[in-house]
Protein backbone atom coordinates (compact mmCIF):
# COMPACT_ATOMS: atom_id res chain seq x y z
CA MET A 1 46.02 171.72 78.65
CA LEU A 2 43.32 173.71 76.87
CA SER A 3 43.55 173.89 73.08
CA ALA A 4 41.01 176.72 72.74
CA VAL A 5 39.33 179.26 75.01
CA ILE A 6 36.91 182.11 74.63
CA PHE A 7 38.14 185.15 76.54
CA CYS A 8 35.77 187.89 77.61
CA ARG A 9 36.92 190.96 79.47
CA HIS A 10 34.37 192.15 82.03
CA GLY A 11 31.84 194.85 81.11
CA GLU A 12 32.41 198.55 81.72
CA THR A 13 33.07 199.72 85.28
CA GLU A 14 33.24 203.16 86.88
CA SER A 15 37.02 202.87 86.73
CA ASN A 16 36.90 202.22 82.97
CA LEU A 17 34.55 205.14 82.53
CA GLY A 18 36.64 207.46 84.70
CA GLY A 19 40.02 206.36 83.39
CA TRP A 20 41.38 205.29 86.77
CA LEU A 21 43.13 202.10 87.80
CA ALA A 22 40.92 199.64 89.70
CA GLY A 23 43.36 196.73 90.07
CA SER A 24 42.42 194.79 93.19
CA ARG A 25 39.53 197.12 94.08
CA ASP A 26 36.31 195.17 93.86
CA VAL A 27 34.31 197.50 91.64
CA SER A 28 31.03 196.55 90.01
CA LEU A 29 29.70 197.05 86.51
CA THR A 30 28.02 200.23 85.39
CA ALA A 31 24.53 200.04 83.88
CA ARG A 32 26.26 200.21 80.48
CA GLY A 33 28.57 197.34 81.53
CA ARG A 34 25.56 195.16 82.28
CA VAL A 35 24.05 196.06 78.88
CA GLN A 36 27.38 195.17 77.22
CA ALA A 37 27.36 191.77 78.93
CA ARG A 38 23.74 191.12 77.87
CA GLU A 39 24.58 192.12 74.28
CA ALA A 40 27.62 189.80 74.27
CA ALA A 41 25.43 186.98 75.60
CA ALA A 42 22.80 187.60 72.91
CA THR A 43 25.49 187.54 70.22
CA LEU A 44 26.92 184.26 71.53
CA VAL A 45 23.47 182.67 71.61
CA ALA A 46 22.64 183.91 68.07
CA GLU A 47 25.97 182.67 66.66
CA GLY A 48 25.44 179.31 68.33
CA ARG A 49 21.98 178.96 66.87
CA GLN A 50 23.35 179.74 63.41
CA ALA A 51 25.73 176.84 63.97
CA GLY A 52 22.77 174.61 64.87
CA ARG A 53 23.03 174.61 68.67
CA GLN A 54 19.93 175.22 70.74
CA ALA A 55 21.48 177.21 73.61
CA GLY A 56 24.28 179.08 71.84
CA TRP A 57 27.98 178.46 71.66
CA ALA A 58 29.10 175.07 72.92
CA VAL A 59 30.65 176.62 76.02
CA PRO A 60 30.55 173.99 78.76
CA VAL A 61 31.72 176.23 81.62
CA ILE A 62 32.75 179.80 82.40
CA TYR A 63 35.88 180.24 84.49
CA SER A 64 35.82 183.67 86.09
CA SER A 65 38.02 185.93 88.11
CA PRO A 66 36.45 186.13 91.58
CA GLN A 67 36.34 189.94 91.40
CA ARG A 68 32.83 191.41 91.31
CA ARG A 69 33.07 192.99 87.86
CA ALA A 70 34.12 189.68 86.28
CA LEU A 71 31.63 187.56 88.23
CA GLU A 72 28.77 189.87 87.32
CA THR A 73 29.69 189.68 83.63
CA ALA A 74 30.14 185.89 83.85
CA GLY A 75 26.75 185.51 85.53
CA ILE A 76 24.99 187.36 82.73
CA LEU A 77 26.77 185.27 80.08
CA ALA A 78 26.15 182.01 81.97
CA GLY A 79 22.45 182.76 82.32
CA ALA A 80 22.10 183.14 78.56
CA LEU A 81 24.27 180.13 77.71
CA GLY A 82 22.88 177.87 80.44
CA VAL A 83 26.29 176.95 81.87
CA PRO A 84 27.89 177.16 85.33
CA VAL A 85 30.33 179.84 86.49
CA VAL A 86 33.40 178.63 88.37
CA PRO A 87 35.34 181.38 90.21
CA VAL A 88 39.09 180.79 89.84
CA ALA A 89 41.48 182.31 92.35
CA GLY A 90 44.50 183.68 90.54
CA LEU A 91 42.64 185.25 87.62
CA GLU A 92 42.21 188.56 89.47
CA GLU A 93 43.62 191.77 87.99
CA ARG A 94 47.12 192.85 88.97
CA ARG A 95 47.36 194.41 92.43
CA TRP A 96 48.61 197.91 91.67
CA GLY A 97 49.17 199.00 95.28
CA ASP A 98 49.53 202.77 95.73
CA LEU A 99 48.58 203.38 92.07
CA GLU A 100 45.03 202.05 92.48
CA GLY A 101 42.40 204.75 92.29
CA GLY A 102 44.72 207.01 90.29
CA ALA A 103 45.17 207.62 86.57
CA ILE A 104 46.16 204.64 84.47
CA PRO A 105 49.96 204.77 84.16
CA ALA A 106 51.57 205.10 80.75
CA ASP A 107 53.84 202.14 81.51
CA LEU A 108 51.57 199.21 82.32
CA LEU A 109 54.46 196.80 81.91
CA ARG A 110 56.63 198.24 84.66
CA GLU A 111 58.07 195.48 86.82
CA GLU A 112 57.56 197.04 90.24
CA VAL A 113 54.82 199.28 91.62
CA PRO A 114 54.81 200.83 95.10
CA ASN A 115 53.18 198.42 97.58
CA GLY A 116 51.78 196.36 94.71
CA GLU A 117 52.38 193.16 92.82
CA SER A 118 55.40 192.81 90.55
CA LEU A 119 54.74 192.14 86.88
CA THR A 120 56.64 188.84 87.20
CA GLY A 121 54.54 187.83 90.21
CA PHE A 122 51.30 188.78 88.47
CA ARG A 123 52.19 186.78 85.36
CA ALA A 124 53.20 183.77 87.48
CA ARG A 125 49.93 183.92 89.47
CA VAL A 126 47.73 184.07 86.37
CA THR A 127 49.76 181.38 84.60
CA ALA A 128 49.42 179.06 87.61
CA ALA A 129 45.65 179.64 87.62
CA LEU A 130 45.46 178.87 83.89
CA ASP A 131 47.59 175.74 84.34
CA GLY A 132 45.06 174.51 86.91
CA LEU A 133 41.99 174.81 84.67
CA PRO A 134 40.57 171.42 83.74
CA ALA A 135 39.83 170.77 80.09
CA PRO A 136 36.09 170.29 79.60
CA THR A 137 35.17 166.67 78.98
CA ASP A 138 32.83 167.47 76.09
CA GLY A 139 35.58 169.14 74.08
CA GLY A 140 33.96 172.56 73.82
CA PRO A 141 36.12 175.57 74.66
CA PRO A 142 35.59 177.07 78.11
CA MET A 143 35.06 180.79 78.49
CA ILE A 144 37.36 182.81 80.71
CA VAL A 145 35.96 186.07 82.06
CA ALA A 146 38.65 188.25 83.54
CA HIS A 147 40.51 191.54 83.12
CA ALA A 148 42.54 193.59 80.68
CA GLY A 149 45.76 192.60 82.44
CA THR A 150 44.90 188.91 82.15
CA TRP A 151 44.69 189.09 78.36
CA PRO A 152 48.42 189.27 77.49
CA VAL A 153 49.22 186.52 80.01
CA LEU A 154 46.53 184.30 78.48
CA CYS A 155 47.82 185.02 74.95
CA ARG A 156 51.36 184.07 75.98
CA TRP A 157 50.05 180.93 77.72
CA MET A 158 48.14 179.93 74.58
CA GLY A 159 51.14 180.70 72.33
CA VAL A 160 49.16 183.32 70.43
CA ASP A 161 50.44 186.67 69.21
CA SER A 162 47.71 189.29 69.41
CA ALA A 163 47.71 192.79 67.99
CA LEU A 164 45.17 193.75 70.68
CA LEU A 165 46.55 195.42 73.79
CA TRP A 166 43.36 194.01 75.30
CA PRO A 167 39.85 193.35 73.97
CA PRO A 168 37.10 195.92 74.52
CA ASN A 169 34.76 195.39 77.46
CA ALA A 170 32.42 192.40 77.09
CA SER A 171 33.69 191.40 73.65
CA PRO A 172 34.37 187.65 73.50
CA VAL A 173 37.48 186.58 71.58
CA VAL A 174 38.32 183.00 70.58
CA LEU A 175 41.94 181.94 71.13
CA THR A 176 43.25 178.69 69.67
CA ARG A 177 46.55 177.28 70.86
CA GLU A 178 49.27 177.33 68.24
CA VAL A 179 50.44 173.80 67.61
CA ALA A 180 53.73 173.18 65.86
CA ALA A 181 53.36 170.98 62.78
CA SER A 182 55.29 167.73 62.90
CA GLY A 183 56.99 166.50 59.85
């Protein structure tokens, strides 16, 4: 089980810009989304160099949702960090069914959506994908590039309480698993 991860939500998409729900639609990044990803990559490299590493953060691998917006972001980050991208089925955004393409609903935690994926099913799918991620052998934290909906599932899986509903686009966040002290 992973003790730490770096989560990065994908860069801006047309759906983010327009305020509509993309869900399972395979949308790509906007020009601004690609700039956000390049800026995040530059920040990671600069922070890594400050810590004495040649190529940036000691990220051994990037696990990415297979959706285009996540893979495009992951590719930009991977190019700067010099690491591979591994698409991981199960990290895709929730399938919102009939709500996709419409305004983002006020209740994102509703259990059922018409012709879509239940909240319980979505959480189980993402959790199973996270459970299947191998821990890197060099000990560095892997990066996970995915979606806003993935964030709360990842936080719960890591045992971390977060005040963030979800991180901004292309803004890496380090999560460290809470470990109970033994005594």
